[in-house]
Amino acid sequence: MPARLCCSKRRFSCRCRCIAAACAPGAYNQSALLARALARLAQRPAVLDALQRIRFTASLGEKSGRERAAEVAGAFVVQPGREGWIAGRRVLLIDDVLTSGATANACARALLAKGAAQVDVLVAARVPDRRLD
């Protein structure tokens, strides 16, 4: 069952117990900015450093869906010391842009591997790519 979200100018609610941001390369993490704002509105804890990229991944831009999934498989782990925020909880994973879903899927797998009860994904933008059909 997907996370139930309710938004209005004054209210945002979420049935998830904590909100995590997808990993982004570089210093600027749009996913973390979105997660922080949503956590504040939902009055839920934001665990912005829950996930860590443990190896370099090449640009996904020209890759097929299958190649994208292979490139990011195993590239993310839950940060040591953050397992307690994840284990047994329903987590809302925030990503800024979803194309194939490979990164969000790899992040969700890392959260589930450390005991998340469920992972729901919320994205700000969906970029369709005909090459992935």
Protein backbone atom coordinates (compact mmCIF):
# COMPACT_ATOMS: atom_id res chain seq x y z
CA MET A 1 0.00 0.00 0.00
CA PRO A 2 1.51 3.37 -0.96
CA ALA A 3 2.13 6.05 1.64
CA ARG A 4 -0.92 8.21 2.11
CA LEU A 5 -0.10 11.83 1.64
CA CYS A 6 -2.40 14.74 2.18
CA CYS A 7 -1.32 18.22 1.21
CA SER A 8 -2.95 21.58 1.52
CA LYS A 9 -1.63 25.07 2.21
CA ARG A 10 -1.77 24.39 5.93
CA ARG A 11 -1.44 20.64 6.29
CA PHE A 12 0.73 17.78 5.16
CA SER A 13 0.38 14.37 6.71
CA CYS A 14 2.23 11.14 6.17
CA ARG A 15 1.76 7.70 7.72
CA CYS A 16 5.47 6.96 7.50
CA ARG A 17 7.47 7.04 10.72
CA CYS A 18 10.55 8.76 9.29
CA ILE A 19 11.64 10.49 6.11
CA ALA A 20 14.96 9.79 4.36
CA ALA A 21 16.61 11.45 1.38
CA ALA A 22 18.02 9.60 -1.60
CA CYS A 23 21.76 9.98 -2.06
CA ALA A 24 22.92 12.59 -4.51
CA PRO A 25 26.43 13.08 -5.83
CA GLY A 26 28.08 16.38 -5.03
CA ALA A 27 27.55 18.87 -2.28
CA TYR A 28 24.06 20.06 -3.23
CA ASN A 29 21.33 17.55 -2.41
CA GLN A 30 17.88 18.59 -3.62
CA SER A 31 16.40 15.40 -2.16
CA ALA A 32 17.60 16.40 1.31
CA LEU A 33 16.07 19.87 0.95
CA LEU A 34 12.73 18.34 -0.04
CA ALA A 35 12.90 15.74 2.74
CA ARG A 36 13.65 18.39 5.37
CA ALA A 37 10.67 20.50 4.29
CA LEU A 38 8.28 17.53 4.12
CA ALA A 39 9.43 16.22 7.50
CA ARG A 40 8.78 19.60 9.06
CA LEU A 41 5.27 19.73 7.54
CA ALA A 42 4.49 16.12 8.54
CA GLN A 43 6.09 16.51 11.97
CA ARG A 44 8.21 13.42 11.37
CA PRO A 45 11.94 12.95 11.88
CA ALA A 46 14.11 13.51 8.80
CA VAL A 47 17.14 11.26 8.57
CA LEU A 48 19.00 13.13 5.87
CA ASP A 49 22.22 11.16 6.24
CA ALA A 50 20.65 7.70 6.46
CA LEU A 51 22.09 6.57 3.15
CA GLN A 52 25.67 6.56 1.96
CA ARG A 53 27.04 5.97 -1.53
CA ILE A 54 29.85 3.45 -1.02
CA ARG A 55 31.22 3.39 -4.55
CA PHE A 56 31.44 5.63 -7.56
CA THR A 57 28.70 5.21 -10.14
CA ALA A 58 28.99 6.41 -13.71
CA SER A 59 26.47 8.81 -15.21
CA LEU A 60 23.20 7.05 -15.98
CA GLY A 61 22.19 9.43 -18.76
CA GLU A 62 22.82 7.24 -21.79
CA LYS A 63 22.16 3.87 -20.18
CA SER A 64 19.15 1.60 -20.64
CA GLY A 65 16.92 0.75 -17.69
CA ARG A 66 18.68 -2.58 -17.18
CA GLU A 67 22.13 -0.91 -17.39
CA ARG A 68 21.06 1.78 -14.90
CA ALA A 69 19.92 -0.84 -12.40
CA ALA A 70 23.19 -2.76 -12.77
CA GLU A 71 25.25 0.43 -12.35
CA VAL A 72 23.68 1.42 -9.01
CA ALA A 73 23.11 -2.09 -7.58
CA GLY A 74 24.88 -2.29 -4.23
CA ALA A 75 26.13 1.29 -4.44
CA PHE A 76 24.18 2.47 -1.36
CA VAL A 77 24.15 1.38 2.28
CA VAL A 78 22.59 2.68 5.46
CA GLN A 79 25.16 4.78 7.31
CA PRO A 80 26.66 3.06 10.35
CA GLY A 81 24.83 4.32 13.42
CA ARG A 82 21.62 5.10 11.50
CA GLU A 83 20.18 1.59 11.58
CA GLY A 84 18.17 2.44 14.72
CA TRP A 85 16.30 5.14 12.81
CA ILE A 86 15.43 2.67 10.07
CA ALA A 87 14.80 -0.74 11.64
CA GLY A 88 11.12 -1.59 12.02
CA ARG A 89 9.94 1.72 10.57
CA ARG A 90 7.97 2.64 7.51
CA VAL A 91 10.28 5.02 5.66
CA LEU A 92 9.37 7.64 3.09
CA LEU A 93 12.29 7.95 0.66
CA ILE A 94 12.44 11.31 -1.10
CA ASP A 95 14.09 11.67 -4.50
CA ASP A 96 14.15 14.78 -6.64
CA VAL A 97 13.87 13.21 -10.11
CA LEU A 98 12.84 9.71 -11.16
CA THR A 99 13.72 8.46 -14.64
CA SER A 100 14.08 4.67 -14.55
CA GLY A 101 13.72 4.28 -10.78
CA ALA A 102 17.12 2.53 -10.53
CA THR A 103 18.54 4.88 -7.88
CA ALA A 104 15.36 4.93 -5.80
CA ASN A 105 15.18 1.13 -6.02
CA ALA A 106 18.81 0.71 -4.93
CA CYS A 107 18.27 3.10 -2.00
CA ALA A 108 15.05 1.29 -1.00
CA ARG A 109 16.87 -2.06 -1.09
CA ALA A 110 19.56 -0.68 1.23
CA LEU A 111 16.89 0.55 3.68
CA LEU A 112 15.03 -2.77 3.58
CA ALA A 113 18.29 -4.69 4.09
CA LYS A 114 18.76 -2.82 7.38
CA GLY A 115 15.29 -3.66 8.61
CA ALA A 116 12.94 -0.98 7.31
CA ALA A 117 9.41 -2.37 7.59
CA GLN A 118 8.39 -0.69 4.34
CA VAL A 119 9.81 1.92 1.98
CA ASP A 120 7.61 4.29 0.02
CA VAL A 121 9.11 6.62 -2.57
CA LEU A 122 8.01 10.18 -3.27
CA VAL A 123 9.57 12.12 -6.14
CA ALA A 124 9.30 15.76 -7.14
CA ALA A 125 9.55 15.10 -10.88
CA ARG A 126 9.15 12.17 -13.24
CA VAL A 127 11.21 12.28 -16.43
CA PRO A 128 9.91 9.83 -19.01
CA ASP A 129 12.61 8.34 -21.22
CA ARG A 130 11.38 6.43 -24.25
CA ARG A 131 14.62 4.42 -24.33
CA LEU A 132 13.55 2.79 -21.05
CA ASP A 133 10.21 1.48 -22.34
